[in-house]
């Protein structure tokens, strides 16, 4: 059974979002803003299996999370990863049948 691991680091997600959407702030300014937020940043590993199942692991606690526990950016990341996998699977099947 094939497995694809994807890591989600919430702080990096927001940093990249801010860099992409702000031409007037430097990277050091963005770092200061994120540091000032003094927030608990998620660090998750998603394990996607080729049979459609998935495991989500919180890298801070090493505990499993359920899909219902995901919110905001983590849920957005999950949806984008799932779509990417479905698209790759369909492209692979199209190439096999051609």
PDB file of N, CA and C in Angstrom:
ATOM      1  N   UNK A   1       0.849  -1.181   0.000  1.00  0.00           N
ATOM      2  CA  UNK A   1       0.000   0.000   0.000  1.00  0.00           C
ATOM      3  C   UNK A   1       0.895   1.245   0.000  1.00  0.00           C
ATOM      4  N   UNK A   2       0.622   2.143  -0.941  1.00  0.00           N
ATOM      5  CA  UNK A   2       1.401   3.369  -1.028  1.00  0.00           C
ATOM      6  C   UNK A   2       0.853   4.398  -0.040  1.00  0.00           C
ATOM      7  N   UNK A   3       1.767   5.207   0.481  1.00  0.00           N
ATOM      8  CA  UNK A   3       1.374   6.268   1.404  1.00  0.00           C
ATOM      9  C   UNK A   3       2.096   7.549   0.986  1.00  0.00           C
ATOM     10  N   UNK A   4       1.362   8.649   1.055  1.00  0.00           N
ATOM     11  CA  UNK A   4       1.963   9.953   0.769  1.00  0.00           C
ATOM     12  C   UNK A   4       1.870  10.793   2.040  1.00  0.00           C
ATOM     13  N   UNK A   5       3.013  11.264   2.501  1.00  0.00           N
ATOM     14  CA  UNK A   5       3.045  12.126   3.677  1.00  0.00           C
ATOM     15  C   UNK A   5       3.084  13.583   3.244  1.00  0.00           C
ATOM     16  N   UNK A   6       2.321  14.409   3.959  1.00  0.00           N
ATOM     17  CA  UNK A   6       2.331  15.852   3.710  1.00  0.00           C
ATOM     18  C   UNK A   6       2.367  16.536   5.069  1.00  0.00           C
ATOM     19  N   UNK A   7       3.278  17.476   5.219  1.00  0.00           N
ATOM     20  CA  UNK A   7       3.417  18.173   6.499  1.00  0.00           C
ATOM     21  C   UNK A   7       2.823  19.574   6.387  1.00  0.00           C
ATOM     22  N   UNK A   8       2.060  19.945   7.387  1.00  0.00           N
ATOM     23  CA  UNK A   8       1.442  21.261   7.457  1.00  0.00           C
ATOM     24  C   UNK A   8       1.980  21.985   8.681  1.00  0.00           C
ATOM     25  N   UNK A   9       2.657  23.115   8.450  1.00  0.00           N
ATOM     26  CA  UNK A   9       3.131  23.951   9.551  1.00  0.00           C
ATOM     27  C   UNK A   9       2.380  25.275   9.428  1.00  0.00           C
ATOM     28  N   UNK A  10       1.498  25.510  10.377  1.00  0.00           N
ATOM     29  CA  UNK A  10       0.574  26.643  10.291  1.00  0.00           C
ATOM     30  C   UNK A  10       1.290  27.986  10.170  1.00  0.00           C
ATOM     31  N   UNK A  11       2.353  28.169  10.921  1.00  0.00           N
ATOM     32  CA  UNK A  11       3.083  29.446  10.877  1.00  0.00           C
ATOM     33  C   UNK A  11       3.631  29.704   9.483  1.00  0.00           C
ATOM     34  N   UNK A  12       4.196  28.678   8.863  1.00  0.00           N
ATOM     35  CA  UNK A  12       4.715  28.808   7.502  1.00  0.00           C
ATOM     36  C   UNK A  12       3.601  29.103   6.502  1.00  0.00           C
ATOM     37  N   UNK A  13       2.439  28.495   6.728  1.00  0.00           N
ATOM     38  CA  UNK A  13       1.290  28.732   5.857  1.00  0.00           C
ATOM     39  C   UNK A  13       0.931  30.223   5.853  1.00  0.00           C
ATOM     40  N   UNK A  14       0.813  30.796   7.047  1.00  0.00           N
ATOM     41  CA  UNK A  14       0.448  32.210   7.134  1.00  0.00           C
ATOM     42  C   UNK A  14       1.570  33.121   6.637  1.00  0.00           C
ATOM     43  N   UNK A  15       2.806  32.733   6.876  1.00  0.00           N
ATOM     44  CA  UNK A  15       3.933  33.524   6.380  1.00  0.00           C
ATOM     45  C   UNK A  15       3.910  33.588   4.856  1.00  0.00           C
ATOM     46  N   UNK A  16       3.729  32.445   4.214  1.00  0.00           N
ATOM     47  CA  UNK A  16       3.684  32.403   2.753  1.00  0.00           C
ATOM     48  C   UNK A  16       2.488  33.160   2.200  1.00  0.00           C
ATOM     49  N   UNK A  17       1.368  33.081   2.897  1.00  0.00           N
ATOM     50  CA  UNK A  17       0.180  33.821   2.491  1.00  0.00           C
ATOM     51  C   UNK A  17       0.428  35.329   2.556  1.00  0.00           C
ATOM     52  N   UNK A  18       1.063  35.776   3.620  1.00  0.00           N
ATOM     53  CA  UNK A  18       1.357  37.199   3.778  1.00  0.00           C
ATOM     54  C   UNK A  18       2.380  37.670   2.743  1.00  0.00           C
ATOM     55  N   UNK A  19       3.378  36.868   2.460  1.00  0.00           N
ATOM     56  CA  UNK A  19       4.377  37.231   1.463  1.00  0.00           C
ATOM     57  C   UNK A  19       3.727  37.358   0.082  1.00  0.00           C
ATOM     58  N   UNK A  20       2.852  36.424  -0.235  1.00  0.00           N
ATOM     59  CA  UNK A  20       2.203  36.424  -1.550  1.00  0.00           C
ATOM     60  C   UNK A  20       1.235  37.589  -1.730  1.00  0.00           C
ATOM     61  N   UNK A  21       0.665  38.073  -0.634  1.00  0.00           N
ATOM     62  CA  UNK A  21      -0.387  39.088  -0.739  1.00  0.00           C
ATOM     63  C   UNK A  21       0.023  40.467  -0.260  1.00  0.00           C
ATOM     64  N   UNK A  22       1.297  40.672   0.008  1.00  0.00           N
ATOM     65  CA  UNK A  22       1.728  41.980   0.481  1.00  0.00           C
ATOM     66  C   UNK A  22       3.036  42.369  -0.193  1.00  0.00           C
ATOM     67  N   UNK A  23       2.951  43.335  -1.071  1.00  0.00           N
ATOM     68  CA  UNK A  23       4.154  43.789  -1.743  1.00  0.00           C
ATOM     69  C   UNK A  23       4.878  44.860  -0.947  1.00  0.00           C
ATOM     70  N   UNK A  24       4.267  45.344   0.133  1.00  0.00           N
ATOM     71  CA  UNK A  24       4.835  46.457   0.883  1.00  0.00           C
ATOM     72  C   UNK A  24       5.527  46.045   2.184  1.00  0.00           C
ATOM     73  N   UNK A  25       5.398  44.780   2.584  1.00  0.00           N
ATOM     74  CA  UNK A  25       6.039  44.327   3.819  1.00  0.00           C
ATOM     75  C   UNK A  25       7.227  43.434   3.485  1.00  0.00           C
ATOM     76  N   UNK A  26       8.292  43.610   4.238  1.00  0.00           N
ATOM     77  CA  UNK A  26       9.461  42.753   4.047  1.00  0.00           C
ATOM     78  C   UNK A  26       9.261  41.453   4.820  1.00  0.00           C
ATOM     79  N   UNK A  27      10.092  40.478   4.522  1.00  0.00           N
ATOM     80  CA  UNK A  27       9.995  39.192   5.217  1.00  0.00           C
ATOM     81  C   UNK A  27      10.268  39.354   6.710  1.00  0.00           C
ATOM     82  N   UNK A  28      11.187  40.238   7.074  1.00  0.00           N
ATOM     83  CA  UNK A  28      11.486  40.456   8.493  1.00  0.00           C
ATOM     84  C   UNK A  28      10.297  41.106   9.209  1.00  0.00           C
ATOM     85  N   UNK A  29       9.572  41.986   8.531  1.00  0.00           N
ATOM     86  CA  UNK A  29       8.380  42.586   9.126  1.00  0.00           C
ATOM     87  C   UNK A  29       7.296  41.530   9.350  1.00  0.00           C
ATOM     88  N   UNK A  30       7.153  40.649   8.381  1.00  0.00           N
ATOM     89  CA  UNK A  30       6.172  39.566   8.514  1.00  0.00           C
ATOM     90  C   UNK A  30       6.557  38.653   9.668  1.00  0.00           C
ATOM     91  N   UNK A  31       7.839  38.337   9.798  1.00  0.00           N
ATOM     92  CA  UNK A  31       8.311  37.509  10.917  1.00  0.00           C
ATOM     93  C   UNK A  31       7.975  38.169  12.257  1.00  0.00           C
ATOM     94  N   UNK A  32       8.173  39.482  12.354  1.00  0.00           N
ATOM     95  CA  UNK A  32       7.860  40.200  13.593  1.00  0.00           C
ATOM     96  C   UNK A  32       6.376  40.126  13.916  1.00  0.00           C
ATOM     97  N   UNK A  33       5.542  40.265  12.908  1.00  0.00           N
ATOM     98  CA  UNK A  33       4.086  40.177  13.110  1.00  0.00           C
ATOM     99  C   UNK A  33       3.706  38.797  13.624  1.00  0.00           C
ATOM    100  N   UNK A  34       4.257  37.750  12.999  1.00  0.00           N
ATOM    101  CA  UNK A  34       3.940  36.387  13.421  1.00  0.00           C
ATOM    102  C   UNK A  34       4.472  36.094  14.818  1.00  0.00           C
ATOM    103  N   UNK A  35       5.649  36.619  15.133  1.00  0.00           N
ATOM    104  CA  UNK A  35       6.200  36.445  16.488  1.00  0.00           C
ATOM    105  C   UNK A  35       5.332  37.153  17.518  1.00  0.00           C
ATOM    106  N   UNK A  36       4.819  38.341  17.162  1.00  0.00           N
ATOM    107  CA  UNK A  36       3.986  39.120  18.085  1.00  0.00           C
ATOM    108  C   UNK A  36       2.637  38.446  18.331  1.00  0.00           C
ATOM    109  N   UNK A  37       2.200  37.619  17.388  1.00  0.00           N
ATOM    110  CA  UNK A  37       0.913  36.927  17.560  1.00  0.00           C
ATOM    111  C   UNK A  37       0.965  35.984  18.757  1.00  0.00           C
ATOM    112  N   UNK A  38       2.158  35.500  19.091  1.00  0.00           N
ATOM    113  CA  UNK A  38       2.349  34.623  20.248  1.00  0.00           C
ATOM    114  C   UNK A  38       1.261  33.550  20.298  1.00  0.00           C
ATOM    115  N   UNK A  39       1.096  32.880  19.194  1.00  0.00           N
ATOM    116  CA  UNK A  39       0.037  31.900  19.041  1.00  0.00           C
ATOM    117  C   UNK A  39       0.605  30.487  19.095  1.00  0.00           C
ATOM    118  N   UNK A  40      -0.263  29.541  19.353  1.00  0.00           N
ATOM    119  CA  UNK A  40       0.092  28.127  19.254  1.00  0.00           C
ATOM    120  C   UNK A  40      -0.077  27.745  17.788  1.00  0.00           C
ATOM    121  N   UNK A  41       1.010  27.413  17.140  1.00  0.00           N
ATOM    122  CA  UNK A  41       0.964  27.082  15.720  1.00  0.00           C
ATOM    123  C   UNK A  41       0.883  25.568  15.551  1.00  0.00           C
ATOM    124  N   UNK A  42      -0.045  25.119  14.722  1.00  0.00           N
ATOM    125  CA  UNK A  42      -0.191  23.697  14.448  1.00  0.00           C
ATOM    126  C   UNK A  42       0.984  23.180  13.631  1.00  0.00           C
ATOM    127  N   UNK A  43       1.356  21.955  13.888  1.00  0.00           N
ATOM    128  CA  UNK A  43       2.358  21.237  13.110  1.00  0.00           C
ATOM    129  C   UNK A  43       1.813  19.823  12.937  1.00  0.00           C
ATOM    130  N   UNK A  44       1.278  19.551  11.747  1.00  0.00           N
ATOM    131  CA  UNK A  44       0.585  18.293  11.502  1.00  0.00           C
ATOM    132  C   UNK A  44       1.246  17.513  10.379  1.00  0.00           C
ATOM    133  N   UNK A  45       1.163  16.193  10.474  1.00  0.00           N
ATOM    134  CA  UNK A  45       1.558  15.321   9.378  1.00  0.00           C
ATOM    135  C   UNK A  45       0.322  14.576   8.920  1.00  0.00           C
ATOM    136  N   UNK A  46       0.051  14.669   7.618  1.00  0.00           N
ATOM    137  CA  UNK A  46      -1.056  13.947   7.005  1.00  0.00           C
ATOM    138  C   UNK A  46      -0.476  12.748   6.285  1.00  0.00           C
ATOM    139  N   UNK A  47      -1.015  11.569   6.557  1.00  0.00           N
ATOM    140  CA  UNK A  47      -0.617  10.357   5.849  1.00  0.00           C
ATOM    141  C   UNK A  47      -1.810   9.912   5.016  1.00  0.00           C
ATOM    142  N   UNK A  48      -1.675  10.063   3.697  1.00  0.00           N
ATOM    143  CA  UNK A  48      -2.728   9.679   2.768  1.00  0.00           C
ATOM    144  C   UNK A  48      -2.376   8.319   2.179  1.00  0.00           C
ATOM    145  N   UNK A  49      -3.300   7.356   2.296  1.00  0.00           N
ATOM    146  CA  UNK A  49      -3.090   6.022   1.765  1.00  0.00           C
ATOM    147  C   UNK A  49      -3.825   5.881   0.440  1.00  0.00           C
ATOM    148  N   UNK A  50      -3.303   5.010  -0.440  1.00  0.00           N
ATOM    149  CA  UNK A  50      -3.896   4.880  -1.774  1.00  0.00           C
ATOM    150  C   UNK A  50      -5.291   4.266  -1.759  1.00  0.00           C
ATOM    151  N   UNK A  51      -5.710   3.697  -0.635  1.00  0.00           N
ATOM    152  CA  UNK A  51      -7.064   3.157  -0.551  1.00  0.00           C
ATOM    153  C   UNK A  51      -8.079   4.223  -0.110  1.00  0.00           C
ATOM    154  N   UNK A  52      -7.614   5.479   0.054  1.00  0.00           N
ATOM    155  CA  UNK A  52      -8.510   6.578   0.419  1.00  0.00           C
ATOM    156  C   UNK A  52      -8.509   6.918   1.895  1.00  0.00           C
ATOM    157  N   UNK A  53      -7.921   6.078   2.715  1.00  0.00           N
ATOM    158  CA  UNK A  53      -7.887   6.375   4.146  1.00  0.00           C
ATOM    159  C   UNK A  53      -6.794   7.393   4.454  1.00  0.00           C
ATOM    160  N   UNK A  54      -6.860   7.939   5.660  1.00  0.00           N
ATOM    161  CA  UNK A  54      -5.919   8.986   6.035  1.00  0.00           C
ATOM    162  C   UNK A  54      -5.709   8.968   7.543  1.00  0.00           C
ATOM    163  N   UNK A  55      -4.514   9.373   7.948  1.00  0.00           N
ATOM    164  CA  UNK A  55      -4.181   9.541   9.354  1.00  0.00           C
ATOM    165  C   UNK A  55      -3.596  10.940   9.515  1.00  0.00           C
ATOM    166  N   UNK A  56      -4.049  11.655  10.548  1.00  0.00           N
ATOM    167  CA  UNK A  56      -3.517  12.982  10.844  1.00  0.00           C
ATOM    168  C   UNK A  56      -2.827  12.905  12.196  1.00  0.00           C
ATOM    169  N   UNK A  57      -1.564  13.328  12.239  1.00  0.00           N
ATOM    170  CA  UNK A  57      -0.793  13.264  13.479  1.00  0.00           C
ATOM    171  C   UNK A  57      -0.366  14.670  13.878  1.00  0.00           C
ATOM    172  N   UNK A  58      -0.626  15.028  15.133  1.00  0.00           N
ATOM    173  CA  UNK A  58      -0.141  16.288  15.689  1.00  0.00           C
ATOM    174  C   UNK A  58       1.316  16.067  16.076  1.00  0.00           C
ATOM    175  N   UNK A  59       2.224  16.769  15.440  1.00  0.00           N
ATOM    176  CA  UNK A  59       3.649  16.540  15.683  1.00  0.00           C
ATOM    177  C   UNK A  59       4.119  17.044  17.045  1.00  0.00           C
ATOM    178  N   UNK A  60       3.333  17.903  17.697  1.00  0.00           N
ATOM    179  CA  UNK A  60       3.701  18.363  19.044  1.00  0.00           C
ATOM    180  C   UNK A  60       3.404  17.295  20.084  1.00  0.00           C
ATOM    181  N   UNK A  61       2.242  16.666  19.962  1.00  0.00           N
ATOM    182  CA  UNK A  61       1.816  15.689  20.963  1.00  0.00           C
ATOM    183  C   UNK A  61       1.963  14.245  20.503  1.00  0.00           C
ATOM    184  N   UNK A  62       2.181  14.055  19.201  1.00  0.00           N
ATOM    185  CA  UNK A  62       2.252  12.737  18.580  1.00  0.00           C
ATOM    186  C   UNK A  62       0.944  11.966  18.718  1.00  0.00           C
ATOM    187  N   UNK A  63      -0.162  12.680  18.879  1.00  0.00           N
ATOM    188  CA  UNK A  63      -1.484  12.068  18.946  1.00  0.00           C
ATOM    189  C   UNK A  63      -2.177  12.195  17.602  1.00  0.00           C
ATOM    190  N   UNK A  64      -3.082  11.238  17.348  1.00  0.00           N
ATOM    191  CA  UNK A  64      -3.870  11.301  16.118  1.00  0.00           C
ATOM    192  C   UNK A  64      -5.028  12.278  16.296  1.00  0.00           C
ATOM    193  N   UNK A  65      -5.340  12.981  15.209  1.00  0.00           N
ATOM    194  CA  UNK A  65      -6.489  13.876  15.177  1.00  0.00           C
ATOM    195  C   UNK A  65      -7.496  13.323  14.187  1.00  0.00           C
ATOM    196  N   UNK A  66      -8.752  13.698  14.367  1.00  0.00           N
ATOM    197  CA  UNK A  66      -9.756  13.320  13.380  1.00  0.00           C
ATOM    198  C   UNK A  66      -9.956  14.483  12.420  1.00  0.00           C
ATOM    199  N   UNK A  67     -10.555  14.205  11.301  1.00  0.00           N
ATOM    200  CA  UNK A  67     -10.826  15.237  10.310  1.00  0.00           C
ATOM    201  C   UNK A  67     -11.705  16.336  10.902  1.00  0.00           C
ATOM    202  N   UNK A  68     -12.579  15.979  11.815  1.00  0.00           N
ATOM    203  CA  UNK A  68     -13.467  16.962  12.471  1.00  0.00           C
ATOM    204  C   UNK A  68     -12.693  17.972  13.306  1.00  0.00           C
ATOM    205  N   UNK A  69     -11.492  17.615  13.737  1.00  0.00           N
ATOM    206  CA  UNK A  69     -10.685  18.512  14.560  1.00  0.00           C
ATOM    207  C   UNK A  69     -10.035  19.631  13.749  1.00  0.00           C
ATOM    208  N   UNK A  70      -9.989  19.471  12.432  1.00  0.00           N
ATOM    209  CA  UNK A  70      -9.335  20.469  11.589  1.00  0.00           C
ATOM    210  C   UNK A  70     -10.212  21.695  11.399  1.00  0.00           C
ATOM    211  N   UNK A  71      -9.571  22.847  11.435  1.00  0.00           N
ATOM    212  CA  UNK A  71     -10.264  24.113  11.225  1.00  0.00           C
ATOM    213  C   UNK A  71      -9.355  25.037  10.421  1.00  0.00           C
ATOM    214  N   UNK A  72      -9.950  26.018   9.796  1.00  0.00           N
ATOM    215  CA  UNK A  72      -9.199  27.080   9.138  1.00  0.00           C
ATOM    216  C   UNK A  72      -8.157  26.601   8.163  1.00  0.00           C
ATOM    217  N   UNK A  73      -6.929  27.057   8.361  1.00  0.00           N
ATOM    218  CA  UNK A  73      -5.832  26.789   7.433  1.00  0.00           C
ATOM    219  C   UNK A  73      -5.521  25.293   7.334  1.00  0.00           C
ATOM    220  N   UNK A  74      -5.619  24.564   8.425  1.00  0.00           N
ATOM    221  CA  UNK A  74      -5.333  23.128   8.398  1.00  0.00           C
ATOM    222  C   UNK A  74      -6.362  22.393   7.534  1.00  0.00           C
ATOM    223  N   UNK A  75      -7.620  22.789   7.629  1.00  0.00           N
ATOM    224  CA  UNK A  75      -8.655  22.166   6.811  1.00  0.00           C
ATOM    225  C   UNK A  75      -8.455  22.533   5.339  1.00  0.00           C
ATOM    226  N   UNK A  76      -8.104  23.786   5.073  1.00  0.00           N
ATOM    227  CA  UNK A  76      -7.814  24.237   3.717  1.00  0.00           C
ATOM    228  C   UNK A  76      -6.671  23.420   3.117  1.00  0.00           C
ATOM    229  N   UNK A  77      -5.626  23.209   3.888  1.00  0.00           N
ATOM    230  CA  UNK A  77      -4.485  22.411   3.443  1.00  0.00           C
ATOM    231  C   UNK A  77      -4.932  20.990   3.110  1.00  0.00           C
ATOM    232  N   UNK A  78      -5.736  20.394   3.979  1.00  0.00           N
ATOM    233  CA  UNK A  78      -6.234  19.027   3.753  1.00  0.00           C
ATOM    234  C   UNK A  78      -7.016  18.946   2.446  1.00  0.00           C
ATOM    235  N   UNK A  79      -7.933  19.880   2.227  1.00  0.00           N
ATOM    236  CA  UNK A  79      -8.770  19.862   1.025  1.00  0.00           C
ATOM    237  C   UNK A  79      -7.899  19.971  -0.227  1.00  0.00           C
ATOM    238  N   UNK A  80      -6.944  20.884  -0.220  1.00  0.00           N
ATOM    239  CA  UNK A  80      -6.067  21.056  -1.384  1.00  0.00           C
ATOM    240  C   UNK A  80      -5.226  19.807  -1.642  1.00  0.00           C
ATOM    241  N   UNK A  81      -4.740  19.167  -0.586  1.00  0.00           N
ATOM    242  CA  UNK A  81      -3.966  17.932  -0.750  1.00  0.00           C
ATOM    243  C   UNK A  81      -4.839  16.812  -1.307  1.00  0.00           C
ATOM    244  N   UNK A  82      -6.055  16.704  -0.805  1.00  0.00           N
ATOM    245  CA  UNK A  82      -6.971  15.653  -1.266  1.00  0.00           C
ATOM    246  C   UNK A  82      -7.311  15.860  -2.748  1.00  0.00           C
ATOM    247  N   UNK A  83      -7.581  17.098  -3.142  1.00  0.00           N
ATOM    248  CA  UNK A  83      -7.876  17.398  -4.545  1.00  0.00           C
ATOM    249  C   UNK A  83      -6.669  17.057  -5.423  1.00  0.00           C
ATOM    250  N   UNK A  84      -5.478  17.418  -4.961  1.00  0.00           N
ATOM    251  CA  UNK A  84      -4.252  17.117  -5.706  1.00  0.00           C
ATOM    252  C   UNK A  84      -4.096  15.607  -5.905  1.00  0.00           C
ATOM    253  N   UNK A  85      -4.386  14.830  -4.868  1.00  0.00           N
ATOM    254  CA  UNK A  85      -4.263  13.376  -4.968  1.00  0.00           C
ATOM    255  C   UNK A  85      -5.302  12.790  -5.911  1.00  0.00           C
ATOM    256  N   UNK A  86      -6.537  13.264  -5.832  1.00  0.00           N
ATOM    257  CA  UNK A  86      -7.603  12.769  -6.711  1.00  0.00           C
ATOM    258  C   UNK A  86      -7.256  13.074  -8.162  1.00  0.00           C
ATOM    259  N   UNK A  87      -6.782  14.287  -8.421  1.00  0.00           N
ATOM    260  CA  UNK A  87      -6.412  14.685  -9.779  1.00  0.00           C
ATOM    261  C   UNK A  87      -5.275  13.791 -10.309  1.00  0.00           C
ATOM    262  N   UNK A  88      -4.267  13.548  -9.485  1.00  0.00           N
ATOM    263  CA  UNK A  88      -3.143  12.698  -9.907  1.00  0.00           C
ATOM    264  C   UNK A  88      -3.622  11.275 -10.183  1.00  0.00           C
ATOM    265  N   UNK A  89      -4.517  10.774  -9.355  1.00  0.00           N
ATOM    266  CA  UNK A  89      -5.063   9.428  -9.528  1.00  0.00           C
ATOM    267  C   UNK A  89      -5.837   9.329 -10.838  1.00  0.00           C
ATOM    268  N   UNK A  90      -6.655  10.349 -11.117  1.00  0.00           N
ATOM    269  CA  UNK A  90      -7.428  10.328 -12.369  1.00  0.00           C
ATOM    270  C   UNK A  90      -6.504  10.413 -13.581  1.00  0.00           C
ATOM    271  N   UNK A  91      -5.485  11.259 -13.519  1.00  0.00           N
ATOM    272  CA  UNK A  91      -4.542  11.362 -14.638  1.00  0.00           C
ATOM    273  C   UNK A  91      -3.813  10.038 -14.869  1.00  0.00           C
ATOM    274  N   UNK A  92      -3.469   9.368 -13.777  1.00  0.00           N
ATOM    275  CA  UNK A  92      -2.799   8.070 -13.886  1.00  0.00           C
ATOM    276  C   UNK A  92      -3.714   7.053 -14.555  1.00  0.00           C
ATOM    277  N   UNK A  93      -4.978   7.039 -14.192  1.00  0.00           N
ATOM    278  CA  UNK A  93      -5.940   6.095 -14.778  1.00  0.00           C
ATOM    279  C   UNK A  93      -6.180   6.408 -16.252  1.00  0.00           C
ATOM    280  N   UNK A  94      -6.210   7.681 -16.602  1.00  0.00           N
ATOM    281  CA  UNK A  94      -6.395   8.068 -18.008  1.00  0.00           C
ATOM    282  C   UNK A  94      -5.206   7.593 -18.832  1.00  0.00           C
ATOM    283  N   UNK A  95      -3.991   7.760 -18.302  1.00  0.00           N
ATOM    284  CA  UNK A  95      -2.799   7.309 -19.024  1.00  0.00           C
ATOM    285  C   UNK A  95      -2.762   5.785 -19.174  1.00  0.00           C
ATOM    286  N   UNK A  96      -3.258   5.068 -18.173  1.00  0.00           N
ATOM    287  CA  UNK A  96      -3.270   3.603 -18.232  1.00  0.00           C
ATOM    288  C   UNK A  96      -4.256   3.100 -19.271  1.00  0.00           C
ATOM    289  N   UNK A  97      -5.368   3.804 -19.430  1.00  0.00           N
ATOM    290  CA  UNK A  97      -6.396   3.343 -20.363  1.00  0.00           C
ATOM    291  C   UNK A  97      -6.146   3.806 -21.808  1.00  0.00           C
ATOM    292  N   UNK A  98      -5.195   4.700 -21.981  1.00  0.00           N
ATOM    293  CA  UNK A  98      -4.923   5.214 -23.344  1.00  0.00           C
ATOM    294  C   UNK A  98      -4.084   4.271 -24.153  1.00  0.00           C
TER     295      UNK A  98
END
